[in-house]
Amino acid sequence: MTTLRDVAQVAGVSRATAARVLSAPELVADATRAKVMQAVQELGYIRNSVAASLRTTRTGRIIVTVPDISNPFFSRVIRGVEEAAQKAGYAVLLGDTRNEREREEQYADMLNRREADGIIFLGHRLPTVLATILARDGGRAPVVNGCEFTSTLGVSSAHIDNAGAGHEVMQALYGLGHRDIALILGPADSPLTRDRLAGASRAAAARGLAANLIVEAGDFSIESGRRAAMALFARSPRPTAIFCFSDEMAIGTLAAARTAGLSCPADLSVVGFDDIQMARYVDPPLATVRQPMAEIGRKTVELLLGILSGRQVQPVSATLPYELIPRESLGAAPVNRLLRS
């Protein structure tokens, strides 16, 4: 049976260093970690995790909770988490909370029971269990948020400037002559909805067009986008542009436009948010805000490793760049509207 001593000998390191790579990889230089992991693979070494857990407080596992695993946005974030965690020698335990508080608490309690070394939550609610841990350990608690940033949570987070993105989308639409613009929001309690709406509203107010801003509720799903769009098409005047707070809702809006006999972008411009993979393949290809989904995932792991290693003792807010992608669903306001305005 291959032993840890064998791994250390092949890698050319001490047994203690080989053990550290497997128990606390973030404390070891990348080159050394790579040599040890290569030796592990070559020798087929299998670590006895039960015995190891008796000798150290580390499990080599991190928990990632996601509000809706069926949402393609989260699948890209999770891939980034998995890549970074695996490189650091951690296994990922994935929990689909389905936006249910009870499920969020159950996964959080796994950290409390020390069944994992840290937790990354991709939703906006801080479970009570985690709040208790944070109150006890302060900035040293191994808790990180991804995507739905709220500063009052008091945890490290990786996200984009959602308010800035919402403002930029509206500026692009106004620049194309649109005046009657509708927004299809996400859930009312989501920080994403809050911040994107704030940015869009600021752009409308700056042009004196706040009264022209039409708002419909959605929940980020395709069906909610379709329903909201059909309600908007019944309004008079009908909006010439719809800014959806997710790509899935924008795809639902495009489907509703086809049902209503509207041409996009001749009659209606549609802009989404996220740049999920299917956005470029719908008809017409969807203009959207591109989020660095995989990078958000990788950054959350980096932040968590910083906490676990003791290098990071205070919460860090990491704001990553976004990009407005102007595809064919975005066009100038209809000529009759431009003449009227």
Protein backbone atom coordinates (compact mmCIF):
# COMPACT_ATOMS: atom_id res chain seq x y z
CA MET A 1 0.00 0.00 0.00
CA THR A 2 1.33 3.42 -0.97
CA THR A 3 2.07 5.64 2.02
CA LEU A 4 2.46 9.37 2.48
CA ARG A 5 6.18 8.79 2.97
CA ASP A 6 6.32 7.28 -0.55
CA VAL A 7 4.56 10.36 -1.96
CA ALA A 8 7.02 12.66 -0.19
CA GLN A 9 10.01 10.72 -1.52
CA VAL A 10 8.80 10.83 -5.15
CA ALA A 11 7.95 14.53 -4.87
CA GLY A 12 11.29 15.32 -3.28
CA VAL A 13 9.81 16.95 -0.19
CA SER A 14 9.53 16.14 3.48
CA ARG A 15 6.68 14.03 4.79
CA ALA A 16 5.43 17.06 6.73
CA THR A 17 5.28 19.13 3.54
CA ALA A 18 3.40 16.38 1.71
CA ALA A 19 0.93 16.19 4.59
CA ARG A 20 0.49 19.96 4.54
CA VAL A 21 -0.33 19.90 0.83
CA LEU A 22 -3.16 17.45 1.51
CA SER A 23 -4.48 19.14 4.66
CA ALA A 24 -3.80 22.86 4.13
CA PRO A 25 -2.84 23.36 0.46
CA GLU A 26 -3.25 27.13 0.60
CA LEU A 27 -0.21 27.30 2.89
CA VAL A 28 2.10 25.65 0.33
CA ALA A 29 3.75 27.22 -2.71
CA ASP A 30 2.12 26.39 -6.04
CA ALA A 31 5.21 24.61 -7.43
CA THR A 32 5.56 22.41 -4.34
CA ARG A 33 1.86 21.63 -4.31
CA ALA A 34 1.98 20.64 -7.97
CA LYS A 35 4.89 18.22 -7.35
CA VAL A 36 3.13 16.55 -4.46
CA MET A 37 -0.19 16.22 -6.31
CA GLN A 38 1.61 14.76 -9.32
CA ALA A 39 3.24 12.17 -7.05
CA VAL A 40 -0.15 11.38 -5.52
CA GLN A 41 -1.56 10.73 -8.97
CA GLU A 42 1.40 8.68 -10.18
CA LEU A 43 1.43 6.46 -7.10
CA GLY A 44 -2.33 6.18 -6.79
CA TYR A 45 -2.14 7.34 -3.19
CA ILE A 46 -5.51 7.41 -1.44
CA ARG A 47 -5.70 9.51 1.67
CA ASN A 48 -7.49 8.05 4.69
CA SER A 49 -9.73 11.06 5.32
CA VAL A 50 -11.19 9.58 8.49
CA ALA A 51 -7.78 9.09 10.07
CA ALA A 52 -6.59 12.45 8.80
CA SER A 53 -9.57 14.22 10.33
CA LEU A 54 -8.55 12.81 13.72
CA ARG A 55 -5.11 14.44 13.38
CA THR A 56 -6.17 17.81 12.02
CA THR A 57 -9.10 20.21 12.20
CA ARG A 58 -9.25 20.41 8.39
CA THR A 59 -11.56 18.27 6.27
CA GLY A 60 -10.33 19.27 2.81
CA ARG A 61 -13.91 20.12 1.82
CA ILE A 62 -15.80 23.34 1.17
CA ILE A 63 -19.54 23.80 0.83
CA VAL A 64 -21.12 25.82 -1.98
CA THR A 65 -24.83 26.60 -1.78
CA VAL A 66 -26.75 27.79 -4.83
CA PRO A 67 -30.31 29.19 -4.88
CA ASP A 68 -31.31 27.49 -8.14
CA ILE A 69 -29.06 24.87 -9.67
CA SER A 70 -31.16 24.84 -12.86
CA ASN A 71 -30.17 28.45 -13.61
CA PRO A 72 -27.33 28.34 -16.20
CA PHE A 73 -25.77 31.45 -14.64
CA PHE A 74 -24.96 29.53 -11.47
CA SER A 75 -23.57 26.55 -13.38
CA ARG A 76 -20.79 28.77 -14.76
CA VAL A 77 -20.04 30.21 -11.32
CA ILE A 78 -19.88 26.72 -9.82
CA ARG A 79 -17.45 25.62 -12.53
CA GLY A 80 -15.14 28.45 -11.50
CA VAL A 81 -15.44 27.40 -7.86
CA GLU A 82 -14.67 23.78 -8.72
CA GLU A 83 -11.62 24.67 -10.79
CA ALA A 84 -10.08 26.87 -8.09
CA ALA A 85 -10.96 24.50 -5.24
CA GLN A 86 -9.52 21.46 -7.00
CA LYS A 87 -6.31 23.31 -7.78
CA ALA A 88 -5.99 24.10 -4.06
CA GLY A 89 -6.66 20.48 -3.11
CA TYR A 90 -10.22 20.91 -1.88
CA ALA A 91 -13.33 18.91 -2.71
CA VAL A 92 -16.59 20.80 -3.25
CA LEU A 93 -19.88 19.82 -1.62
CA LEU A 94 -22.70 21.39 -3.63
CA GLY A 95 -26.07 22.23 -2.10
CA ASP A 96 -29.14 23.35 -4.07
CA THR A 97 -31.18 25.37 -1.56
CA ARG A 98 -34.06 26.10 -3.98
CA ASN A 99 -34.34 29.52 -2.30
CA GLU A 100 -35.67 27.81 0.83
CA ARG A 101 -34.51 29.08 4.23
CA GLU A 102 -34.64 25.64 5.84
CA ARG A 103 -32.30 24.16 3.24
CA GLU A 104 -29.94 27.12 3.63
CA GLU A 105 -29.78 26.51 7.38
CA GLN A 106 -29.19 22.78 6.93
CA TYR A 107 -26.17 23.29 4.71
CA ALA A 108 -24.85 26.06 6.94
CA ASP A 109 -25.06 23.75 9.94
CA MET A 110 -22.59 21.40 8.22
CA LEU A 111 -19.96 24.10 8.73
CA ASN A 112 -21.02 24.47 12.35
CA ARG A 113 -20.51 20.69 12.80
CA ARG A 114 -17.08 21.00 11.13
CA GLU A 115 -18.00 18.74 8.25
CA ALA A 116 -16.35 21.27 5.93
CA ASP A 117 -13.64 23.90 6.27
CA GLY A 118 -15.63 26.78 4.82
CA ILE A 119 -18.77 27.77 2.96
CA ILE A 120 -19.53 29.88 -0.11
CA PHE A 121 -23.15 30.92 -0.45
CA LEU A 122 -24.38 32.29 -3.78
CA GLY A 123 -27.73 33.57 -2.52
CA HIS A 124 -28.51 36.79 -0.67
CA ARG A 125 -29.67 35.52 2.73
CA LEU A 126 -27.22 34.89 5.53
CA PRO A 127 -28.40 31.78 7.41
CA THR A 128 -28.81 32.18 11.16
CA VAL A 129 -26.17 29.52 11.75
CA LEU A 130 -23.61 31.50 9.77
CA ALA A 131 -24.58 34.75 11.48
CA THR A 132 -23.83 33.07 14.81
CA ILE A 133 -20.44 31.85 13.58
CA LEU A 134 -19.59 35.32 12.25
CA ALA A 135 -20.57 36.96 15.53
CA ARG A 136 -18.26 34.53 17.32
CA ASP A 137 -15.30 34.65 14.96
CA GLY A 138 -15.68 38.00 13.21
CA GLY A 139 -13.77 38.46 9.93
CA ARG A 140 -11.93 35.19 10.52
CA ALA A 141 -15.04 33.06 9.95
CA PRO A 142 -14.66 30.97 6.73
CA VAL A 143 -17.80 32.36 5.09
CA VAL A 144 -17.87 34.00 1.64
CA ASN A 145 -20.68 35.29 -0.56
CA GLY A 146 -20.76 35.28 -4.33
CA CYS A 147 -22.92 37.32 -6.75
CA GLU A 148 -25.56 38.91 -4.49
CA PHE A 149 -23.59 41.49 -2.54
CA THR A 150 -24.94 43.28 0.52
CA SER A 151 -22.37 45.16 2.60
CA THR A 152 -24.37 44.81 5.81
CA LEU A 153 -23.86 41.03 5.82
CA GLY A 154 -20.30 41.58 6.96
CA VAL A 155 -18.74 38.80 4.85
CA SER A 156 -16.24 38.75 2.01
CA SER A 157 -17.87 38.76 -1.40
CA ALA A 158 -17.11 38.57 -5.13
CA HIS A 159 -19.56 40.38 -7.41
CA ILE A 160 -19.94 43.07 -10.07
CA ASP A 161 -21.19 46.66 -9.84
CA ASN A 162 -24.84 45.89 -10.57
CA ALA A 163 -25.96 49.49 -10.14
CA GLY A 164 -23.32 50.65 -12.60
CA ALA A 165 -24.37 47.98 -15.09
CA GLY A 166 -28.05 48.94 -14.81
CA HIS A 167 -27.13 52.57 -15.42
CA GLU A 168 -25.00 51.70 -18.47
CA VAL A 169 -27.77 49.67 -20.11
CA MET A 170 -30.20 52.56 -19.76
CA GLN A 171 -27.69 55.03 -21.14
CA ALA A 172 -27.24 52.81 -24.20
CA LEU A 173 -31.01 52.63 -24.75
CA TYR A 174 -31.45 56.38 -24.35
CA GLY A 175 -28.59 56.91 -26.77
CA LEU A 176 -30.54 54.91 -29.36
CA GLY A 177 -33.58 57.15 -29.00
CA HIS A 178 -35.68 55.02 -26.65
CA ARG A 179 -37.85 56.93 -24.19
CA ASP A 180 -40.57 54.47 -23.16
CA ILE A 181 -38.42 51.79 -21.52
CA ALA A 182 -39.68 48.92 -19.38
CA LEU A 183 -37.81 46.92 -16.76
CA ILE A 184 -38.54 43.31 -15.88
CA LEU A 185 -37.18 42.90 -12.38
CA GLY A 186 -36.00 39.91 -10.39
CA PRO A 187 -37.32 38.94 -6.93
CA ALA A 188 -38.09 41.96 -4.76
CA ASP A 189 -35.83 40.79 -1.92
CA SER A 190 -32.78 40.25 -4.14
CA PRO A 191 -29.84 42.69 -3.92
CA LEU A 192 -29.43 42.19 -7.67
CA THR A 193 -32.89 43.63 -8.25
CA ARG A 194 -32.25 46.44 -5.78
CA ASP A 195 -28.96 47.54 -7.31
CA ARG A 196 -29.86 47.15 -10.99
CA LEU A 197 -33.10 49.06 -10.41
CA ALA A 198 -31.21 51.80 -8.58
CA GLY A 199 -28.81 52.23 -11.49
CA ALA A 200 -31.58 52.23 -14.09
CA SER A 201 -33.68 54.68 -12.09
CA ARG A 202 -30.72 57.02 -11.68
CA ALA A 203 -30.21 57.09 -15.45
CA ALA A 204 -33.92 57.79 -16.04
CA ALA A 205 -34.02 60.57 -13.46
CA ALA A 206 -30.94 62.26 -14.94
CA ARG A 207 -32.79 62.60 -18.27
CA GLY A 208 -36.09 63.63 -16.73
CA LEU A 209 -37.69 60.39 -17.89
CA ALA A 210 -38.42 58.70 -14.57
CA ALA A 211 -42.16 58.92 -15.28
CA ASN A 212 -41.65 56.97 -18.53
CA LEU A 213 -40.04 54.05 -16.73
CA ILE A 214 -42.36 51.02 -16.59
CA VAL A 215 -41.72 48.20 -14.14
CA GLU A 216 -42.96 44.61 -14.14
CA ALA A 217 -42.07 41.87 -11.66
CA GLY A 218 -40.25 38.66 -12.56
CA ASP A 219 -38.26 35.96 -10.78
CA PHE A 220 -35.32 35.53 -13.23
CA SER A 221 -37.05 32.59 -15.00
CA ILE A 222 -38.00 32.35 -18.69
CA GLU A 223 -41.70 31.98 -17.93
CA SER A 224 -41.81 35.02 -15.66
CA GLY A 225 -40.18 37.06 -18.43
CA ARG A 226 -42.76 35.88 -20.94
CA ARG A 227 -45.66 36.74 -18.63
CA ALA A 228 -44.28 40.16 -17.74
CA ALA A 229 -43.64 40.99 -21.40
CA MET A 230 -47.20 40.09 -22.42
CA ALA A 231 -48.48 42.45 -19.71
CA LEU A 232 -46.21 45.20 -21.03
CA PHE A 233 -47.43 44.72 -24.61
CA ALA A 234 -50.98 45.45 -23.44
CA ARG A 235 -49.96 48.90 -22.19
CA SER A 236 -50.38 52.15 -24.10
CA PRO A 237 -47.95 53.41 -25.10
CA ARG A 238 -46.18 50.11 -25.51
CA PRO A 239 -42.51 50.28 -24.52
CA THR A 240 -39.98 50.37 -27.34
CA ALA A 241 -37.33 48.67 -25.23
CA ILE A 242 -37.33 46.15 -22.39
CA PHE A 243 -34.40 45.73 -20.04
CA CYS A 244 -34.63 42.33 -18.33
CA PHE A 245 -32.65 41.66 -15.17
CA SER A 246 -31.65 38.18 -16.39
CA ASP A 247 -31.02 36.54 -19.75
CA GLU A 248 -33.64 33.90 -19.07
CA MET A 249 -36.34 36.55 -18.63
CA ALA A 250 -35.08 38.24 -21.80
CA ILE A 251 -35.46 34.96 -23.69
CA GLY A 252 -39.02 34.73 -22.39
CA THR A 253 -39.57 38.30 -23.59
CA LEU A 254 -38.38 37.41 -27.10
CA ALA A 255 -40.83 34.51 -27.15
CA ALA A 256 -43.65 36.83 -26.07
CA ALA A 257 -42.71 39.32 -28.79
CA ARG A 258 -43.01 36.62 -31.45
CA THR A 259 -46.44 35.66 -30.06
CA ALA A 260 -47.52 39.31 -30.19
CA GLY A 261 -46.28 39.70 -33.77
CA LEU A 262 -43.54 42.18 -32.84
CA SER A 263 -40.24 42.28 -34.66
CA CYS A 264 -37.04 42.60 -32.64
CA PRO A 265 -35.33 45.04 -32.84
CA ALA A 266 -37.50 46.91 -35.41
CA ASP A 267 -40.48 47.19 -33.04
CA LEU A 268 -38.84 46.34 -29.75
CA SER A 269 -35.32 46.21 -28.34
CA VAL A 270 -34.53 43.64 -25.65
CA VAL A 271 -31.53 43.60 -23.32
CA GLY A 272 -30.74 40.84 -20.84
CA PHE A 273 -28.24 40.35 -18.06
CA ASP A 274 -25.53 37.69 -17.43
CA ASP A 275 -24.54 36.49 -20.95
CA ILE A 276 -25.37 32.85 -20.39
CA GLN A 277 -24.27 30.55 -23.21
CA MET A 278 -27.61 30.42 -25.03
CA ALA A 279 -27.85 34.25 -25.21
CA ARG A 280 -25.82 34.41 -28.41
CA TYR A 281 -27.81 31.60 -30.08
CA VAL A 282 -31.40 32.84 -29.69
CA ASP A 283 -33.10 34.71 -32.54
CA PRO A 284 -32.11 37.49 -32.62
CA PRO A 285 -28.90 37.10 -30.61
CA LEU A 286 -29.45 38.76 -27.26
CA ALA A 287 -27.80 42.00 -26.18
CA THR A 288 -26.81 41.59 -22.56
CA VAL A 289 -24.49 42.48 -19.70
CA ARG A 290 -21.70 39.94 -19.50
CA GLN A 291 -20.79 38.87 -16.00
CA PRO A 292 -17.44 37.10 -15.41
CA MET A 293 -19.25 34.07 -14.01
CA ALA A 294 -16.35 31.63 -13.75
CA GLU A 295 -14.09 34.35 -12.39
CA ILE A 296 -16.63 35.16 -9.67
CA GLY A 297 -16.48 31.51 -8.66
CA ARG A 298 -12.68 31.45 -8.65
CA LYS A 299 -12.54 34.67 -6.66
CA THR A 300 -14.84 33.35 -3.94
CA VAL A 301 -12.48 30.41 -3.46
CA GLU A 302 -9.49 32.76 -3.33
CA LEU A 303 -11.21 34.82 -0.64
CA LEU A 304 -12.11 31.70 1.34
CA LEU A 305 -8.54 30.38 1.17
CA GLY A 306 -7.31 33.73 2.44
CA ILE A 307 -9.52 33.38 5.50
CA LEU A 308 -8.52 29.76 6.11
CA SER A 309 -4.82 30.60 5.88
CA GLY A 310 -5.13 33.52 8.28
CA ARG A 311 -3.95 36.04 5.67
CA GLN A 312 -7.35 37.73 5.55
CA VAL A 313 -8.79 38.88 8.86
CA GLN A 314 -11.35 41.44 7.65
CA PRO A 315 -14.14 41.10 5.05
CA VAL A 316 -13.08 41.94 1.50
CA SER A 317 -15.43 43.21 -1.21
CA ALA A 318 -14.09 42.15 -4.62
CA THR A 319 -15.82 44.00 -7.47
CA LEU A 320 -15.12 42.34 -10.82
CA PRO A 321 -15.58 43.93 -14.27
CA TYR A 322 -18.69 43.55 -16.44
CA GLU A 323 -19.25 44.34 -20.12
CA LEU A 324 -22.29 45.44 -22.14
CA ILE A 325 -22.53 43.18 -25.21
CA PRO A 326 -24.61 44.94 -27.93
CA ARG A 327 -25.98 42.10 -30.07
CA GLU A 328 -28.79 42.17 -32.64
CA SER A 329 -31.70 42.42 -30.20
CA LEU A 330 -30.63 46.00 -29.48
CA GLY A 331 -31.55 48.67 -32.02
CA ALA A 332 -32.77 52.23 -32.46
CA ALA A 333 -36.20 53.29 -31.30
CA PRO A 334 -38.92 52.95 -34.00
CA VAL A 335 -38.97 55.95 -36.35
CA ASN A 336 -42.55 56.94 -35.46
CA ARG A 337 -41.59 57.20 -31.78
CA LEU A 338 -38.50 59.26 -32.58
CA LEU A 339 -40.58 61.72 -34.59
CA ARG A 340 -43.15 62.01 -31.81
CA SER A 341 -40.51 62.73 -29.19
